[in-house]
């Protein structure tokens, strides 16, 4: 899968992204893996914040 900005210097807050892969299912699977990792990172950050505040 490759990832790129469709406009290297977006002129507005509208950011466009382009994902390409061998098949739509391949792109979907890899995007889901990225989302899963992001959720895990956020969960870990929440745990650390909880530990710091205690």
PDB file of N, CA and C in Angstrom:
ATOM      1  N   UNK A   1       0.856  -1.174   0.000  1.00  0.00           N
ATOM      2  CA  UNK A   1       0.000   0.000   0.000  1.00  0.00           C
ATOM      3  C   UNK A   1       0.897   1.231   0.000  1.00  0.00           C
ATOM      4  N   UNK A   2       0.500   2.233  -0.733  1.00  0.00           N
ATOM      5  CA  UNK A   2       1.220   3.499  -0.682  1.00  0.00           C
ATOM      6  C   UNK A   2       0.273   4.576  -0.188  1.00  0.00           C
ATOM      7  N   UNK A   3       0.848   5.633   0.324  1.00  0.00           N
ATOM      8  CA  UNK A   3       0.081   6.719   0.910  1.00  0.00           C
ATOM      9  C   UNK A   3       0.700   8.020   0.455  1.00  0.00           C
ATOM     10  N   UNK A   4      -0.137   8.975   0.054  1.00  0.00           N
ATOM     11  CA  UNK A   4       0.404  10.274  -0.325  1.00  0.00           C
ATOM     12  C   UNK A   4      -0.660  11.345  -0.175  1.00  0.00           C
ATOM     13  N   UNK A   5      -0.201  12.575   0.013  1.00  0.00           N
ATOM     14  CA  UNK A   5      -1.099  13.708  -0.043  1.00  0.00           C
ATOM     15  C   UNK A   5      -1.384  13.982  -1.512  1.00  0.00           C
ATOM     16  N   UNK A   6      -2.637  14.278  -1.843  1.00  0.00           N
ATOM     17  CA  UNK A   6      -2.931  14.591  -3.236  1.00  0.00           C
ATOM     18  C   UNK A   6      -2.475  16.000  -3.575  1.00  0.00           C
ATOM     19  N   UNK A   7      -2.339  16.852  -2.573  1.00  0.00           N
ATOM     20  CA  UNK A   7      -1.828  18.207  -2.762  1.00  0.00           C
ATOM     21  C   UNK A   7      -0.732  18.396  -1.722  1.00  0.00           C
ATOM     22  N   UNK A   8       0.542  18.526  -2.129  1.00  0.00           N
ATOM     23  CA  UNK A   8       1.630  18.601  -1.151  1.00  0.00           C
ATOM     24  C   UNK A   8       1.529  19.798  -0.208  1.00  0.00           C
ATOM     25  N   UNK A   9       0.872  20.873  -0.627  1.00  0.00           N
ATOM     26  CA  UNK A   9       0.693  22.042   0.222  1.00  0.00           C
ATOM     27  C   UNK A   9      -0.772  22.463   0.183  1.00  0.00           C
ATOM     28  N   UNK A  10      -1.625  21.772   0.958  1.00  0.00           N
ATOM     29  CA  UNK A  10      -3.045  22.118   0.917  1.00  0.00           C
ATOM     30  C   UNK A  10      -3.259  23.583   1.287  1.00  0.00           C
ATOM     31  N   UNK A  11      -4.093  24.249   0.539  1.00  0.00           N
ATOM     32  CA  UNK A  11      -4.321  25.674   0.759  1.00  0.00           C
ATOM     33  C   UNK A  11      -5.428  25.929   1.777  1.00  0.00           C
ATOM     34  N   UNK A  12      -6.107  24.892   2.205  1.00  0.00           N
ATOM     35  CA  UNK A  12      -7.174  25.060   3.189  1.00  0.00           C
ATOM     36  C   UNK A  12      -7.059  23.959   4.232  1.00  0.00           C
ATOM     37  N   UNK A  13      -8.018  23.899   5.111  1.00  0.00           N
ATOM     38  CA  UNK A  13      -8.027  22.840   6.129  1.00  0.00           C
ATOM     39  C   UNK A  13      -8.474  21.507   5.551  1.00  0.00           C
ATOM     40  N   UNK A  14      -8.910  21.514   4.294  1.00  0.00           N
ATOM     41  CA  UNK A  14      -9.350  20.290   3.635  1.00  0.00           C
ATOM     42  C   UNK A  14      -8.123  19.518   3.163  1.00  0.00           C
ATOM     43  N   UNK A  15      -7.758  18.477   3.874  1.00  0.00           N
ATOM     44  CA  UNK A  15      -6.595  17.673   3.508  1.00  0.00           C
ATOM     45  C   UNK A  15      -7.062  16.471   2.720  1.00  0.00           C
ATOM     46  N   UNK A  16      -6.459  16.257   1.606  1.00  0.00           N
ATOM     47  CA  UNK A  16      -6.814  15.129   0.754  1.00  0.00           C
ATOM     48  C   UNK A  16      -5.710  14.085   0.826  1.00  0.00           C
ATOM     49  N   UNK A  17      -6.108  12.841   0.902  1.00  0.00           N
ATOM     50  CA  UNK A  17      -5.168  11.736   0.981  1.00  0.00           C
ATOM     51  C   UNK A  17      -5.463  10.761  -0.143  1.00  0.00           C
ATOM     52  N   UNK A  18      -4.467  10.049  -0.540  1.00  0.00           N
ATOM     53  CA  UNK A  18      -4.637   9.030  -1.563  1.00  0.00           C
ATOM     54  C   UNK A  18      -3.998   7.739  -1.063  1.00  0.00           C
ATOM     55  N   UNK A  19      -4.757   6.652  -1.075  1.00  0.00           N
ATOM     56  CA  UNK A  19      -4.256   5.341  -0.700  1.00  0.00           C
ATOM     57  C   UNK A  19      -4.358   4.446  -1.924  1.00  0.00           C
ATOM     58  N   UNK A  20      -3.327   3.692  -2.175  1.00  0.00           N
ATOM     59  CA  UNK A  20      -3.375   2.733  -3.262  1.00  0.00           C
ATOM     60  C   UNK A  20      -2.874   1.388  -2.753  1.00  0.00           C
ATOM     61  N   UNK A  21      -3.411   0.351  -3.282  1.00  0.00           N
ATOM     62  CA  UNK A  21      -2.997  -0.994  -2.918  1.00  0.00           C
ATOM     63  C   UNK A  21      -3.337  -1.937  -4.046  1.00  0.00           C
ATOM     64  N   UNK A  22      -3.027  -3.198  -3.847  1.00  0.00           N
ATOM     65  CA  UNK A  22      -3.287  -4.168  -4.899  1.00  0.00           C
ATOM     66  C   UNK A  22      -4.781  -4.389  -5.097  1.00  0.00           C
ATOM     67  N   UNK A  23      -5.565  -4.198  -4.030  1.00  0.00           N
ATOM     68  CA  UNK A  23      -7.011  -4.365  -4.137  1.00  0.00           C
ATOM     69  C   UNK A  23      -7.669  -3.508  -3.068  1.00  0.00           C
ATOM     70  N   UNK A  24      -8.945  -3.166  -3.259  1.00  0.00           N
ATOM     71  CA  UNK A  24      -9.646  -2.402  -2.215  1.00  0.00           C
ATOM     72  C   UNK A  24      -9.640  -3.117  -0.866  1.00  0.00           C
ATOM     73  N   UNK A  25      -9.710  -4.426  -0.885  1.00  0.00           N
ATOM     74  CA  UNK A  25      -9.690  -5.199   0.365  1.00  0.00           C
ATOM     75  C   UNK A  25      -8.344  -5.060   1.059  1.00  0.00           C
ATOM     76  N   UNK A  26      -7.277  -5.021   0.281  1.00  0.00           N
ATOM     77  CA  UNK A  26      -5.930  -4.842   0.833  1.00  0.00           C
ATOM     78  C   UNK A  26      -5.817  -3.483   1.516  1.00  0.00           C
ATOM     79  N   UNK A  27      -6.301  -2.439   0.857  1.00  0.00           N
ATOM     80  CA  UNK A  27      -6.269  -1.097   1.436  1.00  0.00           C
ATOM     81  C   UNK A  27      -7.119  -1.054   2.701  1.00  0.00           C
ATOM     82  N   UNK A  28      -8.329  -1.611   2.644  1.00  0.00           N
ATOM     83  CA  UNK A  28      -9.207  -1.630   3.817  1.00  0.00           C
ATOM     84  C   UNK A  28      -8.561  -2.348   4.992  1.00  0.00           C
ATOM     85  N   UNK A  29      -7.931  -3.479   4.727  1.00  0.00           N
ATOM     86  CA  UNK A  29      -7.286  -4.257   5.791  1.00  0.00           C
ATOM     87  C   UNK A  29      -6.148  -3.465   6.429  1.00  0.00           C
ATOM     88  N   UNK A  30      -5.350  -2.804   5.600  1.00  0.00           N
ATOM     89  CA  UNK A  30      -4.232  -2.041   6.146  1.00  0.00           C
ATOM     90  C   UNK A  30      -4.706  -0.797   6.885  1.00  0.00           C
ATOM     91  N   UNK A  31      -5.756  -0.147   6.383  1.00  0.00           N
ATOM     92  CA  UNK A  31      -6.307   1.008   7.095  1.00  0.00           C
ATOM     93  C   UNK A  31      -6.892   0.579   8.442  1.00  0.00           C
ATOM     94  N   UNK A  32      -7.511  -0.595   8.488  1.00  0.00           N
ATOM     95  CA  UNK A  32      -8.043  -1.099   9.755  1.00  0.00           C
ATOM     96  C   UNK A  32      -6.911  -1.377  10.742  1.00  0.00           C
ATOM     97  N   UNK A  33      -5.798  -1.902  10.256  1.00  0.00           N
ATOM     98  CA  UNK A  33      -4.644  -2.147  11.125  1.00  0.00           C
ATOM     99  C   UNK A  33      -4.117  -0.830  11.688  1.00  0.00           C
ATOM    100  N   UNK A  34      -4.070   0.220  10.862  1.00  0.00           N
ATOM    101  CA  UNK A  34      -3.630   1.534  11.333  1.00  0.00           C
ATOM    102  C   UNK A  34      -4.589   2.061  12.390  1.00  0.00           C
ATOM    103  N   UNK A  35      -5.888   1.931  12.152  1.00  0.00           N
ATOM    104  CA  UNK A  35      -6.890   2.390  13.124  1.00  0.00           C
ATOM    105  C   UNK A  35      -6.761   1.626  14.433  1.00  0.00           C
ATOM    106  N   UNK A  36      -6.548   0.320  14.352  1.00  0.00           N
ATOM    107  CA  UNK A  36      -6.378  -0.493  15.564  1.00  0.00           C
ATOM    108  C   UNK A  36      -5.156  -0.037  16.358  1.00  0.00           C
ATOM    109  N   UNK A  37      -4.052   0.247  15.670  1.00  0.00           N
ATOM    110  CA  UNK A  37      -2.845   0.722  16.354  1.00  0.00           C
ATOM    111  C   UNK A  37      -3.095   2.081  17.005  1.00  0.00           C
ATOM    112  N   UNK A  38      -3.808   2.954  16.316  1.00  0.00           N
ATOM    113  CA  UNK A  38      -4.108   4.278  16.875  1.00  0.00           C
ATOM    114  C   UNK A  38      -4.948   4.145  18.137  1.00  0.00           C
ATOM    115  N   UNK A  39      -5.937   3.265  18.135  1.00  0.00           N
ATOM    116  CA  UNK A  39      -6.760   3.052  19.327  1.00  0.00           C
ATOM    117  C   UNK A  39      -5.927   2.517  20.486  1.00  0.00           C
ATOM    118  N   UNK A  40      -5.015   1.611  20.191  1.00  0.00           N
ATOM    119  CA  UNK A  40      -4.148   1.051  21.236  1.00  0.00           C
ATOM    120  C   UNK A  40      -3.236   2.132  21.816  1.00  0.00           C
ATOM    121  N   UNK A  41      -2.702   2.988  20.954  1.00  0.00           N
ATOM    122  CA  UNK A  41      -1.856   4.081  21.436  1.00  0.00           C
ATOM    123  C   UNK A  41      -2.656   5.004  22.346  1.00  0.00           C
ATOM    124  N   UNK A  42      -3.873   5.357  21.944  1.00  0.00           N
ATOM    125  CA  UNK A  42      -4.711   6.229  22.774  1.00  0.00           C
ATOM    126  C   UNK A  42      -5.048   5.568  24.110  1.00  0.00           C
ATOM    127  N   UNK A  43      -5.286   4.258  24.104  1.00  0.00           N
ATOM    128  CA  UNK A  43      -5.568   3.541  25.346  1.00  0.00           C
ATOM    129  C   UNK A  43      -4.354   3.588  26.275  1.00  0.00           C
ATOM    130  N   UNK A  44      -3.168   3.407  25.697  1.00  0.00           N
ATOM    131  CA  UNK A  44      -1.954   3.430  26.499  1.00  0.00           C
ATOM    132  C   UNK A  44      -1.688   4.830  27.062  1.00  0.00           C
ATOM    133  N   UNK A  45      -1.945   5.863  26.271  1.00  0.00           N
ATOM    134  CA  UNK A  45      -1.784   7.236  26.746  1.00  0.00           C
ATOM    135  C   UNK A  45      -2.733   7.491  27.914  1.00  0.00           C
ATOM    136  N   UNK A  46      -3.965   7.028  27.794  1.00  0.00           N
ATOM    137  CA  UNK A  46      -4.933   7.196  28.881  1.00  0.00           C
ATOM    138  C   UNK A  46      -4.441   6.494  30.147  1.00  0.00           C
ATOM    139  N   UNK A  47      -3.868   5.292  30.004  1.00  0.00           N
ATOM    140  CA  UNK A  47      -3.344   4.558  31.153  1.00  0.00           C
ATOM    141  C   UNK A  47      -2.207   5.335  31.824  1.00  0.00           C
ATOM    142  N   UNK A  48      -1.311   5.878  31.022  1.00  0.00           N
ATOM    143  CA  UNK A  48      -0.190   6.653  31.571  1.00  0.00           C
ATOM    144  C   UNK A  48      -0.696   7.903  32.290  1.00  0.00           C
ATOM    145  N   UNK A  49      -1.644   8.582  31.682  1.00  0.00           N
ATOM    146  CA  UNK A  49      -2.201   9.771  32.330  1.00  0.00           C
ATOM    147  C   UNK A  49      -2.856   9.422  33.673  1.00  0.00           C
ATOM    148  N   UNK A  50      -3.544   8.305  33.711  1.00  0.00           N
ATOM    149  CA  UNK A  50      -4.158   7.845  34.954  1.00  0.00           C
ATOM    150  C   UNK A  50      -3.102   7.579  36.017  1.00  0.00           C
ATOM    151  N   UNK A  51      -2.019   6.930  35.608  1.00  0.00           N
ATOM    152  CA  UNK A  51      -0.933   6.619  36.556  1.00  0.00           C
ATOM    153  C   UNK A  51      -0.268   7.884  37.060  1.00  0.00           C
ATOM    154  N   UNK A  52      -0.090   8.862  36.199  1.00  0.00           N
ATOM    155  CA  UNK A  52       0.554  10.104  36.601  1.00  0.00           C
ATOM    156  C   UNK A  52      -0.318  10.874  37.572  1.00  0.00           C
ATOM    157  N   UNK A  53      -1.628  10.865  37.347  1.00  0.00           N
ATOM    158  CA  UNK A  53      -2.515  11.652  38.199  1.00  0.00           C
ATOM    159  C   UNK A  53      -2.761  10.991  39.563  1.00  0.00           C
ATOM    160  N   UNK A  54      -2.416   9.722  39.709  1.00  0.00           N
ATOM    161  CA  UNK A  54      -2.632   9.036  40.998  1.00  0.00           C
ATOM    162  C   UNK A  54      -1.477   9.210  41.931  1.00  0.00           C
TER     163      UNK A  54
END
